[in-house]
Amino acid sequence: MTTQLAAREDLISLIEPMPHQMPLYSYLMAAGPDRPNKSWLARILDAQRSTGSALPLHLGLEPDAYRQLINCFFPDCRVWLALHYGHDLLWQRGELRQQLLVLRREEWETLRNLLVQHRRGDDASEIRMAEIVAAACLGSGHLWRDLGLGSRGMLRDLLQSNFPALVSLNTRDMRWKRFFYKQLCEQEGGYVCRSPSCDQCSTYDECFGEEN
């Protein structure tokens, strides 16, 4: 890993830096054509490389799929994004999460398939977004935070844009990560809840409480 970091730093010195003091989100939005999900991807990449998120190094995508995504949405920034990753600790955490994703690949694929089954169907980027959201579901925090979004409301907007049919099923506004896993359990016929209703459940706040 130390050798990889040193090689990356050598390459960074050879490319043109991002305009001084320009936020990464603004830098990405100014690059390439305007497309569905561009703003969401820019926000996710910005958070991953600044404050950090629970996403793996390639956002949960295969390396080739990740490169294609960057080339499609941010062609003018592809070299910069390949070499700049905030500080080294964020880069190392992203690499570790990439390795952990391999260990939980089956779980990731199940979540990904659930999202893809309910995608809007307007743009191919919805499939990539399903893969990114599925990777974030493997994190230990609230889904909106693990994706690097600013609020739960932003997460709902992202899901509504890409997976409206799935959003419509969450009629009681259950926390999204719990809702996804509940859907998977119900699909497989294994969902068991001993409470007669959610309102009478002793762990109600774990599924429906505030996400601060």
N, C-alpha and C. Protein backbone atom coordinates (compact mmCIF):
# COMPACT_ATOMS: atom_id res chain seq x y z
N MET A 1 0.83 -1.20 0.00
CA MET A 1 0.00 0.00 0.00
C MET A 1 0.86 1.25 0.00
N THR A 2 2.00 1.23 0.74
CA THR A 2 2.89 2.38 0.79
C THR A 2 3.44 2.69 -0.59
N THR A 3 3.81 1.66 -1.34
CA THR A 3 4.32 1.84 -2.70
C THR A 3 3.25 2.45 -3.60
N GLN A 4 2.02 2.00 -3.45
CA GLN A 4 0.93 2.55 -4.25
C GLN A 4 0.72 4.02 -3.96
N LEU A 5 0.78 4.40 -2.69
CA LEU A 5 0.59 5.79 -2.32
C LEU A 5 1.70 6.66 -2.89
N ALA A 6 2.94 6.17 -2.83
CA ALA A 6 4.07 6.94 -3.35
C ALA A 6 3.95 7.14 -4.85
N ALA A 7 3.56 6.08 -5.56
CA ALA A 7 3.40 6.19 -7.01
C ALA A 7 2.29 7.17 -7.36
N ARG A 8 1.22 7.15 -6.58
CA ARG A 8 0.12 8.06 -6.84
C ARG A 8 0.54 9.51 -6.63
N GLU A 9 1.32 9.77 -5.59
CA GLU A 9 1.78 11.13 -5.32
C GLU A 9 2.70 11.62 -6.44
N ASP A 10 3.51 10.74 -7.00
CA ASP A 10 4.38 11.13 -8.11
C ASP A 10 3.55 11.55 -9.32
N LEU A 11 2.47 10.83 -9.59
CA LEU A 11 1.62 11.16 -10.73
C LEU A 11 0.86 12.45 -10.50
N ILE A 12 0.43 12.69 -9.26
CA ILE A 12 -0.33 13.89 -8.94
C ILE A 12 0.46 15.14 -9.29
N SER A 13 1.78 15.10 -9.07
CA SER A 13 2.61 16.28 -9.32
C SER A 13 2.71 16.62 -10.80
N LEU A 14 2.29 15.71 -11.68
CA LEU A 14 2.43 15.91 -13.12
C LEU A 14 1.18 16.48 -13.77
N ILE A 15 0.05 16.52 -13.05
CA ILE A 15 -1.18 16.97 -13.68
C ILE A 15 -1.59 18.32 -13.15
N GLU A 16 -2.45 18.96 -13.91
CA GLU A 16 -2.93 20.29 -13.54
C GLU A 16 -3.85 20.20 -12.33
N PRO A 17 -3.65 21.01 -11.30
CA PRO A 17 -4.51 20.93 -10.11
C PRO A 17 -5.89 21.48 -10.38
N MET A 18 -6.82 21.13 -9.50
CA MET A 18 -8.16 21.68 -9.56
C MET A 18 -8.08 23.17 -9.27
N PRO A 19 -8.90 24.02 -9.93
CA PRO A 19 -8.87 25.46 -9.68
C PRO A 19 -8.91 25.77 -8.19
N HIS A 20 -8.09 26.71 -7.77
CA HIS A 20 -7.89 27.03 -6.36
C HIS A 20 -9.21 27.37 -5.68
N GLN A 21 -9.45 26.68 -4.57
CA GLN A 21 -10.59 26.93 -3.69
C GLN A 21 -11.95 26.61 -4.33
N MET A 22 -11.97 25.99 -5.49
CA MET A 22 -13.25 25.59 -6.07
C MET A 22 -13.71 24.30 -5.40
N PRO A 23 -14.93 24.25 -4.86
CA PRO A 23 -15.44 23.01 -4.27
C PRO A 23 -15.44 21.89 -5.30
N LEU A 24 -15.16 20.68 -4.87
CA LEU A 24 -15.11 19.56 -5.79
C LEU A 24 -16.45 19.37 -6.49
N TYR A 25 -17.55 19.55 -5.76
CA TYR A 25 -18.87 19.41 -6.38
C TYR A 25 -19.02 20.37 -7.56
N SER A 26 -18.63 21.62 -7.39
CA SER A 26 -18.73 22.61 -8.48
C SER A 26 -17.80 22.25 -9.63
N TYR A 27 -16.61 21.77 -9.31
CA TYR A 27 -15.63 21.36 -10.32
C TYR A 27 -16.20 20.23 -11.18
N LEU A 28 -16.84 19.26 -10.54
CA LEU A 28 -17.40 18.14 -11.27
C LEU A 28 -18.62 18.54 -12.09
N MET A 29 -19.46 19.39 -11.54
CA MET A 29 -20.66 19.80 -12.26
C MET A 29 -20.32 20.64 -13.50
N ALA A 30 -19.17 21.29 -13.49
CA ALA A 30 -18.76 22.10 -14.64
C ALA A 30 -18.12 21.26 -15.73
N ALA A 31 -17.87 19.98 -15.44
CA ALA A 31 -17.18 19.12 -16.40
C ALA A 31 -18.15 18.18 -17.09
N GLY A 32 -18.06 18.07 -18.39
CA GLY A 32 -18.85 17.11 -19.13
C GLY A 32 -20.30 17.54 -19.33
N PRO A 33 -21.05 16.75 -20.06
CA PRO A 33 -22.45 17.08 -20.38
C PRO A 33 -23.36 16.92 -19.17
N ASP A 34 -24.49 17.59 -19.22
CA ASP A 34 -25.50 17.46 -18.18
C ASP A 34 -26.30 16.19 -18.44
N ARG A 35 -26.37 15.31 -17.43
CA ARG A 35 -27.06 14.04 -17.59
C ARG A 35 -27.81 13.68 -16.32
N PRO A 36 -28.80 12.78 -16.41
CA PRO A 36 -29.47 12.31 -15.20
C PRO A 36 -28.45 11.70 -14.23
N ASN A 37 -28.61 12.00 -12.97
CA ASN A 37 -27.76 11.51 -11.88
C ASN A 37 -26.40 12.19 -11.78
N LYS A 38 -26.11 13.14 -12.64
CA LYS A 38 -24.81 13.80 -12.56
C LYS A 38 -24.65 14.53 -11.24
N SER A 39 -25.67 15.26 -10.82
CA SER A 39 -25.58 16.00 -9.57
C SER A 39 -25.41 15.06 -8.37
N TRP A 40 -26.14 13.95 -8.37
CA TRP A 40 -26.02 12.99 -7.27
C TRP A 40 -24.63 12.38 -7.23
N LEU A 41 -24.10 12.02 -8.38
CA LEU A 41 -22.76 11.43 -8.42
C LEU A 41 -21.71 12.43 -7.97
N ALA A 42 -21.87 13.69 -8.37
CA ALA A 42 -20.92 14.72 -7.96
C ALA A 42 -20.94 14.89 -6.44
N ARG A 43 -22.11 14.87 -5.85
CA ARG A 43 -22.22 15.00 -4.39
C ARG A 43 -21.57 13.80 -3.69
N ILE A 44 -21.82 12.61 -4.21
CA ILE A 44 -21.28 11.40 -3.60
C ILE A 44 -19.76 11.39 -3.68
N LEU A 45 -19.21 11.76 -4.84
CA LEU A 45 -17.75 11.80 -4.99
C LEU A 45 -17.14 12.89 -4.12
N ASP A 46 -17.80 14.03 -4.03
CA ASP A 46 -17.31 15.13 -3.20
C ASP A 46 -17.20 14.67 -1.75
N ALA A 47 -18.24 14.04 -1.24
CA ALA A 47 -18.23 13.59 0.15
C ALA A 47 -17.18 12.51 0.38
N GLN A 48 -17.08 11.59 -0.57
CA GLN A 48 -16.12 10.49 -0.43
C GLN A 48 -14.68 11.01 -0.31
N ARG A 49 -14.38 12.10 -1.01
CA ARG A 49 -13.01 12.59 -1.07
C ARG A 49 -12.74 13.79 -0.16
N SER A 50 -13.73 14.18 0.63
CA SER A 50 -13.52 15.31 1.54
C SER A 50 -13.83 14.90 2.98
N THR A 51 -15.09 14.79 3.32
CA THR A 51 -15.47 14.43 4.68
C THR A 51 -15.46 12.93 4.91
N GLY A 52 -15.50 12.17 3.84
CA GLY A 52 -15.53 10.73 3.96
C GLY A 52 -16.94 10.19 3.93
N SER A 53 -17.08 8.94 3.53
CA SER A 53 -18.37 8.24 3.51
C SER A 53 -18.06 6.77 3.75
N ALA A 54 -19.06 5.93 3.65
CA ALA A 54 -18.85 4.50 3.87
C ALA A 54 -18.69 3.75 2.55
N LEU A 55 -18.44 4.47 1.47
CA LEU A 55 -18.34 3.83 0.16
C LEU A 55 -16.93 3.31 -0.11
N PRO A 56 -16.83 2.19 -0.83
CA PRO A 56 -15.52 1.66 -1.21
C PRO A 56 -14.80 2.57 -2.20
N LEU A 57 -13.59 2.19 -2.53
CA LEU A 57 -12.73 2.99 -3.39
C LEU A 57 -13.40 3.32 -4.72
N HIS A 58 -14.09 2.37 -5.32
CA HIS A 58 -14.74 2.58 -6.62
C HIS A 58 -16.25 2.74 -6.48
N LEU A 59 -16.70 3.20 -5.33
CA LEU A 59 -18.12 3.44 -5.05
C LEU A 59 -18.94 2.16 -5.03
N GLY A 60 -18.28 1.02 -5.00
CA GLY A 60 -19.00 -0.25 -5.02
C GLY A 60 -19.09 -0.87 -6.40
N LEU A 61 -18.50 -0.19 -7.40
CA LEU A 61 -18.54 -0.68 -8.78
C LEU A 61 -17.29 -1.49 -9.08
N GLU A 62 -17.38 -2.30 -10.13
CA GLU A 62 -16.19 -2.94 -10.66
C GLU A 62 -15.27 -1.84 -11.22
N PRO A 63 -13.95 -2.03 -11.17
CA PRO A 63 -13.03 -0.98 -11.64
C PRO A 63 -13.34 -0.48 -13.05
N ASP A 64 -13.63 -1.39 -13.98
CA ASP A 64 -13.94 -0.96 -15.36
C ASP A 64 -15.23 -0.17 -15.41
N ALA A 65 -16.23 -0.60 -14.65
CA ALA A 65 -17.51 0.12 -14.62
C ALA A 65 -17.33 1.50 -14.00
N TYR A 66 -16.49 1.59 -13.00
CA TYR A 66 -16.22 2.88 -12.37
C TYR A 66 -15.54 3.83 -13.35
N ARG A 67 -14.55 3.34 -14.07
CA ARG A 67 -13.86 4.18 -15.05
C ARG A 67 -14.82 4.64 -16.15
N GLN A 68 -15.68 3.75 -16.60
CA GLN A 68 -16.66 4.12 -17.62
C GLN A 68 -17.62 5.19 -17.10
N LEU A 69 -18.01 5.07 -15.84
CA LEU A 69 -18.90 6.05 -15.24
C LEU A 69 -18.25 7.42 -15.20
N ILE A 70 -17.01 7.48 -14.75
CA ILE A 70 -16.30 8.75 -14.68
C ILE A 70 -16.09 9.33 -16.07
N ASN A 71 -15.71 8.49 -17.02
CA ASN A 71 -15.49 8.96 -18.38
C ASN A 71 -16.77 9.50 -19.00
N CYS A 72 -17.89 8.93 -18.63
CA CYS A 72 -19.18 9.34 -19.18
C CYS A 72 -19.67 10.65 -18.57
N PHE A 73 -19.56 10.78 -17.26
CA PHE A 73 -20.12 11.94 -16.57
C PHE A 73 -19.13 13.08 -16.36
N PHE A 74 -17.87 12.74 -16.14
CA PHE A 74 -16.87 13.77 -15.81
C PHE A 74 -15.59 13.56 -16.62
N PRO A 75 -15.70 13.57 -17.96
CA PRO A 75 -14.53 13.27 -18.78
C PRO A 75 -13.37 14.23 -18.58
N ASP A 76 -13.65 15.49 -18.28
CA ASP A 76 -12.58 16.46 -18.09
C ASP A 76 -11.87 16.30 -16.75
N CYS A 77 -12.44 15.48 -15.87
CA CYS A 77 -11.89 15.33 -14.51
C CYS A 77 -11.36 13.93 -14.26
N ARG A 78 -11.36 13.07 -15.27
CA ARG A 78 -11.08 11.67 -15.01
C ARG A 78 -9.67 11.44 -14.47
N VAL A 79 -8.68 12.17 -14.96
CA VAL A 79 -7.32 11.99 -14.46
C VAL A 79 -7.21 12.51 -13.04
N TRP A 80 -7.81 13.68 -12.79
CA TRP A 80 -7.77 14.26 -11.44
C TRP A 80 -8.43 13.32 -10.44
N LEU A 81 -9.60 12.78 -10.79
CA LEU A 81 -10.31 11.88 -9.88
C LEU A 81 -9.55 10.58 -9.65
N ALA A 82 -8.82 10.14 -10.65
CA ALA A 82 -8.07 8.89 -10.52
C ALA A 82 -6.92 9.03 -9.53
N LEU A 83 -6.44 10.26 -9.36
CA LEU A 83 -5.22 10.44 -8.57
C LEU A 83 -5.43 11.19 -7.25
N HIS A 84 -6.48 11.97 -7.16
CA HIS A 84 -6.73 12.74 -5.94
C HIS A 84 -7.82 12.04 -5.11
N TYR A 85 -7.52 11.80 -3.87
CA TYR A 85 -8.48 11.12 -3.01
C TYR A 85 -8.44 11.72 -1.61
N GLY A 86 -8.58 13.04 -1.53
CA GLY A 86 -8.51 13.67 -0.22
C GLY A 86 -7.17 13.38 0.42
N HIS A 87 -7.15 13.03 1.70
CA HIS A 87 -5.90 12.65 2.33
C HIS A 87 -5.74 11.14 2.32
N ASP A 88 -4.56 10.67 2.63
CA ASP A 88 -4.25 9.25 2.49
C ASP A 88 -5.14 8.35 3.35
N LEU A 89 -5.58 8.84 4.51
CA LEU A 89 -6.43 8.02 5.37
C LEU A 89 -7.75 7.69 4.68
N LEU A 90 -8.35 8.67 3.99
CA LEU A 90 -9.59 8.41 3.26
C LEU A 90 -9.36 7.39 2.15
N TRP A 91 -8.23 7.50 1.48
CA TRP A 91 -7.91 6.56 0.39
C TRP A 91 -7.74 5.15 0.95
N GLN A 92 -7.06 5.03 2.07
CA GLN A 92 -6.85 3.72 2.68
C GLN A 92 -8.16 3.12 3.16
N ARG A 93 -9.03 3.95 3.74
CA ARG A 93 -10.33 3.46 4.19
C ARG A 93 -11.16 2.97 3.00
N GLY A 94 -11.11 3.73 1.90
CA GLY A 94 -11.84 3.33 0.71
C GLY A 94 -11.36 2.00 0.16
N GLU A 95 -10.04 1.80 0.20
CA GLU A 95 -9.47 0.55 -0.28
C GLU A 95 -9.88 -0.61 0.63
N LEU A 96 -9.89 -0.37 1.95
CA LEU A 96 -10.31 -1.41 2.89
C LEU A 96 -11.77 -1.79 2.67
N ARG A 97 -12.63 -0.78 2.45
CA ARG A 97 -14.04 -1.06 2.20
C ARG A 97 -14.23 -1.83 0.90
N GLN A 98 -13.35 -1.58 -0.07
CA GLN A 98 -13.41 -2.33 -1.33
C GLN A 98 -13.14 -3.80 -1.06
N GLN A 99 -12.21 -4.08 -0.18
CA GLN A 99 -11.89 -5.46 0.16
C GLN A 99 -13.03 -6.12 0.95
N LEU A 100 -13.65 -5.36 1.86
CA LEU A 100 -14.77 -5.89 2.63
C LEU A 100 -15.98 -6.16 1.75
N LEU A 101 -16.14 -5.34 0.70
CA LEU A 101 -17.24 -5.55 -0.24
C LEU A 101 -17.15 -6.91 -0.89
N VAL A 102 -15.93 -7.35 -1.19
CA VAL A 102 -15.72 -8.66 -1.79
C VAL A 102 -16.25 -9.76 -0.87
N LEU A 103 -16.03 -9.58 0.43
CA LEU A 103 -16.46 -10.59 1.41
C LEU A 103 -17.98 -10.64 1.56
N ARG A 104 -18.65 -9.52 1.25
CA ARG A 104 -20.12 -9.45 1.39
C ARG A 104 -20.78 -9.31 0.02
N ARG A 105 -20.14 -9.90 -0.97
CA ARG A 105 -20.58 -9.75 -2.35
C ARG A 105 -22.01 -10.25 -2.56
N GLU A 106 -22.35 -11.38 -1.97
CA GLU A 106 -23.69 -11.95 -2.17
C GLU A 106 -24.77 -11.01 -1.61
N GLU A 107 -24.51 -10.45 -0.44
CA GLU A 107 -25.45 -9.52 0.16
C GLU A 107 -25.60 -8.27 -0.71
N TRP A 108 -24.48 -7.77 -1.20
CA TRP A 108 -24.49 -6.59 -2.08
C TRP A 108 -25.31 -6.87 -3.34
N GLU A 109 -25.11 -8.04 -3.94
CA GLU A 109 -25.82 -8.38 -5.17
C GLU A 109 -27.33 -8.46 -4.92
N THR A 110 -27.74 -8.98 -3.77
CA THR A 110 -29.16 -9.08 -3.45
C THR A 110 -29.79 -7.70 -3.33
N LEU A 111 -29.10 -6.79 -2.64
CA LEU A 111 -29.59 -5.42 -2.51
C LEU A 111 -29.62 -4.72 -3.86
N ARG A 112 -28.57 -4.91 -4.62
CA ARG A 112 -28.49 -4.31 -5.96
C ARG A 112 -29.63 -4.76 -6.84
N ASN A 113 -29.93 -6.06 -6.80
CA ASN A 113 -31.01 -6.59 -7.63
C ASN A 113 -32.37 -6.03 -7.22
N LEU A 114 -32.58 -5.87 -5.92
CA LEU A 114 -33.84 -5.28 -5.44
C LEU A 114 -34.03 -3.88 -6.03
N LEU A 115 -32.99 -3.08 -5.99
CA LEU A 115 -33.06 -1.72 -6.51
C LEU A 115 -33.25 -1.71 -8.03
N VAL A 116 -32.51 -2.54 -8.72
CA VAL A 116 -32.61 -2.59 -10.18
C VAL A 116 -34.02 -3.02 -10.62
N GLN A 117 -34.62 -3.93 -9.88
CA GLN A 117 -35.98 -4.39 -10.21
C GLN A 117 -36.99 -3.24 -10.15
N HIS A 118 -36.70 -2.22 -9.36
CA HIS A 118 -37.64 -1.12 -9.18
C HIS A 118 -37.14 0.19 -9.80
N ARG A 119 -36.17 0.12 -10.69
CA ARG A 119 -35.64 1.35 -11.25
C ARG A 119 -36.64 1.99 -12.22
N ARG A 120 -36.47 3.28 -12.42
CA ARG A 120 -37.39 4.03 -13.28
C ARG A 120 -37.34 3.53 -14.72
N GLY A 121 -36.15 3.27 -15.23
CA GLY A 121 -36.00 2.76 -16.59
C GLY A 121 -35.76 3.84 -17.63
N ASP A 122 -35.39 5.03 -17.17
CA ASP A 122 -35.16 6.13 -18.11
C ASP A 122 -33.71 6.25 -18.55
N ASP A 123 -32.78 5.77 -17.71
CA ASP A 123 -31.36 6.00 -18.00
C ASP A 123 -30.53 4.84 -17.43
N ALA A 124 -29.48 4.46 -18.17
CA ALA A 124 -28.64 3.34 -17.74
C ALA A 124 -27.92 3.64 -16.43
N SER A 125 -27.73 4.91 -16.11
CA SER A 125 -27.03 5.26 -14.87
C SER A 125 -27.79 4.82 -13.63
N GLU A 126 -29.08 4.50 -13.78
CA GLU A 126 -29.86 4.00 -12.64
C GLU A 126 -29.28 2.69 -12.13
N ILE A 127 -28.73 1.89 -13.03
CA ILE A 127 -28.13 0.62 -12.62
C ILE A 127 -26.89 0.88 -11.79
N ARG A 128 -26.06 1.82 -12.21
CA ARG A 128 -24.86 2.17 -11.44
C ARG A 128 -25.25 2.76 -10.09
N MET A 129 -26.32 3.56 -10.07
CA MET A 129 -26.76 4.13 -8.80
C MET A 129 -27.25 3.03 -7.86
N ALA A 130 -27.90 2.02 -8.42
CA ALA A 130 -28.33 0.89 -7.60
C ALA A 130 -27.13 0.20 -6.96
N GLU A 131 -26.07 0.06 -7.71
CA GLU A 131 -24.86 -0.58 -7.19
C GLU A 131 -24.20 0.27 -6.12
N ILE A 132 -24.22 1.57 -6.30
CA ILE A 132 -23.63 2.48 -5.30
C ILE A 132 -24.44 2.47 -4.02
N VAL A 133 -25.75 2.57 -4.14
CA VAL A 133 -26.62 2.56 -2.96
C VAL A 133 -26.48 1.23 -2.23
N ALA A 134 -26.42 0.13 -2.96
CA ALA A 134 -26.26 -1.18 -2.33
C ALA A 134 -24.96 -1.25 -1.55
N ALA A 135 -23.89 -0.68 -2.09
CA ALA A 135 -22.61 -0.66 -1.37
C ALA A 135 -22.70 0.16 -0.09
N ALA A 136 -23.41 1.28 -0.16
CA ALA A 136 -23.57 2.12 1.03
C ALA A 136 -24.40 1.43 2.10
N CYS A 137 -25.31 0.56 1.69
CA CYS A 137 -26.13 -0.19 2.66
C CYS A 137 -25.28 -1.09 3.54
N LEU A 138 -24.08 -1.43 3.11
CA LEU A 138 -23.21 -2.29 3.90
C LEU A 138 -22.49 -1.52 5.00
N GLY A 139 -22.62 -0.21 5.01
CA GLY A 139 -22.03 0.60 6.06
C GLY A 139 -22.80 0.45 7.37
N SER A 140 -22.25 0.99 8.44
CA SER A 140 -22.84 0.80 9.77
C SER A 140 -23.70 1.98 10.21
N GLY A 141 -23.74 3.06 9.45
CA GLY A 141 -24.48 4.25 9.85
C GLY A 141 -25.78 4.39 9.09
N HIS A 142 -26.41 5.56 9.23
CA HIS A 142 -27.60 5.85 8.45
C HIS A 142 -27.23 5.87 6.96
N LEU A 143 -28.12 5.40 6.13
CA LEU A 143 -27.80 5.26 4.70
C LEU A 143 -27.44 6.60 4.07
N TRP A 144 -28.17 7.66 4.41
CA TRP A 144 -27.87 8.95 3.79
C TRP A 144 -26.47 9.42 4.14
N ARG A 145 -26.03 9.14 5.36
CA ARG A 145 -24.67 9.52 5.75
C ARG A 145 -23.63 8.64 5.06
N ASP A 146 -23.90 7.34 5.01
CA ASP A 146 -22.94 6.43 4.41
C ASP A 146 -22.78 6.68 2.91
N LEU A 147 -23.80 7.27 2.29
CA LEU A 147 -23.70 7.67 0.88
C LEU A 147 -22.97 9.00 0.72
N GLY A 148 -22.91 9.78 1.80
CA GLY A 148 -22.28 11.09 1.74
C GLY A 148 -23.25 12.21 1.42
N LEU A 149 -24.54 11.98 1.62
CA LEU A 149 -25.54 13.02 1.36
C LEU A 149 -25.75 13.87 2.61
N GLY A 150 -26.41 15.00 2.41
CA GLY A 150 -26.54 15.97 3.50
C GLY A 150 -27.70 15.73 4.43
N SER A 151 -28.68 14.90 4.03
CA SER A 151 -29.85 14.69 4.87
C SER A 151 -30.63 13.47 4.37
N ARG A 152 -31.56 13.01 5.20
CA ARG A 152 -32.43 11.91 4.80
C ARG A 152 -33.36 12.35 3.66
N GLY A 153 -33.73 13.63 3.66
CA GLY A 153 -34.57 14.14 2.58
C GLY A 153 -33.88 14.04 1.23
N MET A 154 -32.57 14.31 1.21
CA MET A 154 -31.82 14.18 -0.04
C MET A 154 -31.79 12.73 -0.51
N LEU A 155 -31.67 11.81 0.45
CA LEU A 155 -31.68 10.39 0.08
C LEU A 155 -33.00 10.01 -0.56
N ARG A 156 -34.09 10.49 0.02
CA ARG A 156 -35.40 10.17 -0.56
C ARG A 156 -35.50 10.73 -1.99
N ASP A 157 -34.99 11.93 -2.21
CA ASP A 157 -35.03 12.52 -3.55
C ASP A 157 -34.23 11.67 -4.54
N LEU A 158 -33.06 11.21 -4.11
CA LEU A 158 -32.23 10.35 -4.98
C LEU A 158 -32.98 9.07 -5.32
N LEU A 159 -33.57 8.45 -4.30
CA LEU A 159 -34.30 7.19 -4.53
C LEU A 159 -35.53 7.42 -5.40
N GLN A 160 -36.22 8.52 -5.18
CA GLN A 160 -37.40 8.83 -5.98
C GLN A 160 -37.03 9.04 -7.45
N SER A 161 -35.89 9.65 -7.69
CA SER A 161 -35.44 9.90 -9.06
C SER A 161 -35.09 8.61 -9.79
N ASN A 162 -34.58 7.62 -9.04
CA ASN A 162 -34.08 6.40 -9.67
C ASN A 162 -34.96 5.18 -9.48
N PHE A 163 -35.60 5.07 -8.31
CA PHE A 163 -36.36 3.86 -7.97
C PHE A 163 -37.74 4.23 -7.42
N PRO A 164 -38.56 4.94 -8.19
CA PRO A 164 -39.83 5.45 -7.67
C PRO A 164 -40.80 4.36 -7.22
N ALA A 165 -40.78 3.22 -7.90
CA ALA A 165 -41.69 2.14 -7.53
C ALA A 165 -41.37 1.60 -6.14
N LEU A 166 -40.09 1.57 -5.79
CA LEU A 166 -39.68 1.10 -4.47
C LEU A 166 -40.04 2.13 -3.40
N VAL A 167 -39.84 3.39 -3.71
CA VAL A 167 -40.19 4.46 -2.77
C VAL A 167 -41.67 4.42 -2.45
N SER A 168 -42.49 4.15 -3.44
CA SER A 168 -43.95 4.14 -3.23
C SER A 168 -44.38 3.03 -2.28
N LEU A 169 -43.56 2.01 -2.11
CA LEU A 169 -43.90 0.91 -1.20
C LEU A 169 -43.62 1.26 0.26
N ASN A 170 -42.78 2.26 0.47
CA ASN A 170 -42.44 2.64 1.85
C ASN A 170 -43.47 3.65 2.36
N THR A 171 -44.69 3.15 2.55
CA THR A 171 -45.82 4.03 2.88
C THR A 171 -45.74 4.62 4.28
N ARG A 172 -44.96 4.02 5.17
CA ARG A 172 -44.87 4.51 6.54
C ARG A 172 -43.55 5.22 6.81
N ASP A 173 -42.79 5.47 5.75
CA ASP A 173 -41.52 6.19 5.88
C ASP A 173 -40.56 5.49 6.83
N MET A 174 -40.45 4.19 6.68
CA MET A 174 -39.47 3.42 7.45
C MET A 174 -38.06 3.83 7.05
N ARG A 175 -37.14 3.73 7.95
CA ARG A 175 -35.75 4.00 7.59
C ARG A 175 -35.37 3.13 6.40
N TRP A 176 -34.66 3.74 5.45
CA TRP A 176 -34.49 3.10 4.14
C TRP A 176 -33.71 1.79 4.20
N LYS A 177 -32.66 1.77 4.97
CA LYS A 177 -31.87 0.53 5.02
C LYS A 177 -32.71 -0.61 5.58
N ARG A 178 -33.43 -0.33 6.66
CA ARG A 178 -34.30 -1.35 7.24
C ARG A 178 -35.42 -1.74 6.27
N PHE A 179 -35.91 -0.76 5.56
CA PHE A 179 -36.97 -1.04 4.59
C PHE A 179 -36.48 -1.97 3.49
N PHE A 180 -35.27 -1.72 2.98
CA PHE A 180 -34.73 -2.58 1.93
C PHE A 180 -34.60 -4.03 2.41
N TYR A 181 -34.05 -4.20 3.60
CA TYR A 181 -33.87 -5.56 4.10
C TYR A 181 -35.22 -6.22 4.41
N LYS A 182 -36.18 -5.45 4.85
CA LYS A 182 -37.53 -5.98 5.07
C LYS A 182 -38.13 -6.47 3.75
N GLN A 183 -37.93 -5.70 2.68
CA GLN A 183 -38.43 -6.11 1.37
C GLN A 183 -37.79 -7.42 0.93
N LEU A 184 -36.49 -7.56 1.17
CA LEU A 184 -35.79 -8.79 0.79
C LEU A 184 -36.33 -9.98 1.57
N CYS A 185 -36.54 -9.79 2.85
CA CYS A 185 -37.07 -10.88 3.68
C CYS A 185 -38.46 -11.29 3.22
N GLU A 186 -39.29 -10.31 2.89
CA GLU A 186 -40.65 -10.62 2.45
C GLU A 186 -40.64 -11.32 1.10
N GLN A 187 -39.71 -10.95 0.23
CA GLN A 187 -39.60 -11.61 -1.07
C GLN A 187 -39.25 -13.09 -0.92
N GLU A 188 -38.42 -13.39 0.08
CA GLU A 188 -37.97 -14.76 0.30
C GLU A 188 -38.88 -15.53 1.23
N GLY A 189 -39.94 -14.86 1.73
CA GLY A 189 -40.89 -15.53 2.61
C GLY A 189 -40.38 -15.78 4.01
N GLY A 190 -39.34 -15.05 4.39
CA GLY A 190 -38.75 -15.30 5.70
C GLY A 190 -38.92 -14.18 6.70
N TYR A 191 -39.74 -13.18 6.37
CA TYR A 191 -39.89 -12.04 7.28
C TYR A 191 -40.77 -12.41 8.47
N VAL A 192 -40.24 -12.27 9.66
CA VAL A 192 -40.97 -12.61 10.87
C VAL A 192 -40.86 -11.44 11.84
N CYS A 193 -42.00 -10.91 12.27
CA CYS A 193 -42.04 -9.87 13.28
C CYS A 193 -43.08 -10.29 14.32
N ARG A 194 -42.68 -10.36 15.57
CA ARG A 194 -43.56 -10.86 16.61
C ARG A 194 -44.58 -9.82 17.06
N SER A 195 -44.36 -8.58 16.71
CA SER A 195 -45.29 -7.54 17.13
C SER A 195 -46.53 -7.56 16.25
N PRO A 196 -47.74 -7.37 16.83
CA PRO A 196 -48.97 -7.36 16.01
C PRO A 196 -49.02 -6.19 15.04
N SER A 197 -48.32 -5.10 15.34
CA SER A 197 -48.26 -3.96 14.43
C SER A 197 -47.02 -3.16 14.76
N CYS A 198 -46.56 -2.34 13.79
CA CYS A 198 -45.37 -1.51 14.03
C CYS A 198 -45.59 -0.56 15.20
N ASP A 199 -46.80 -0.02 15.32
CA ASP A 199 -47.08 0.96 16.37
C ASP A 199 -46.90 0.36 17.76
N GLN A 200 -47.10 -0.95 17.90
CA GLN A 200 -47.00 -1.60 19.21
C GLN A 200 -45.64 -2.25 19.44
N CYS A 201 -44.73 -2.09 18.50
CA CYS A 201 -43.43 -2.75 18.58
C CYS A 201 -42.52 -2.01 19.57
N SER A 202 -41.78 -2.76 20.38
CA SER A 202 -40.88 -2.16 21.38
C SER A 202 -39.65 -1.52 20.74
N THR A 203 -39.35 -1.91 19.50
CA THR A 203 -38.19 -1.33 18.80
C THR A 203 -38.63 -0.40 17.68
N TYR A 204 -39.77 0.23 17.84
CA TYR A 204 -40.33 1.12 16.82
C TYR A 204 -39.32 2.18 16.38
N ASP A 205 -38.64 2.80 17.35
CA ASP A 205 -37.72 3.89 17.03
C ASP A 205 -36.54 3.44 16.18
N GLU A 206 -36.21 2.15 16.22
CA GLU A 206 -35.10 1.66 15.42
C GLU A 206 -35.46 1.63 13.93
N CYS A 207 -36.74 1.54 13.64
CA CYS A 207 -37.19 1.48 12.24
C CYS A 207 -37.75 2.81 11.75
N PHE A 208 -38.32 3.61 12.67
CA PHE A 208 -39.01 4.81 12.24
C PHE A 208 -38.54 6.08 12.95
N GLY A 209 -37.54 5.99 13.83
CA GLY A 209 -37.12 7.16 14.58
C GLY A 209 -36.38 8.17 13.74
N GLU A 210 -36.11 9.34 14.34
CA GLU A 210 -35.36 10.38 13.66
C GLU A 210 -33.95 9.92 13.34
N GLU A 211 -33.42 10.38 12.21
CA GLU A 211 -32.05 10.04 11.79
C GLU A 211 -31.19 11.28 11.85
N ASN A 212 -30.65 11.58 13.00
CA ASN A 212 -29.82 12.77 13.17
C ASN A 212 -28.35 12.45 13.03
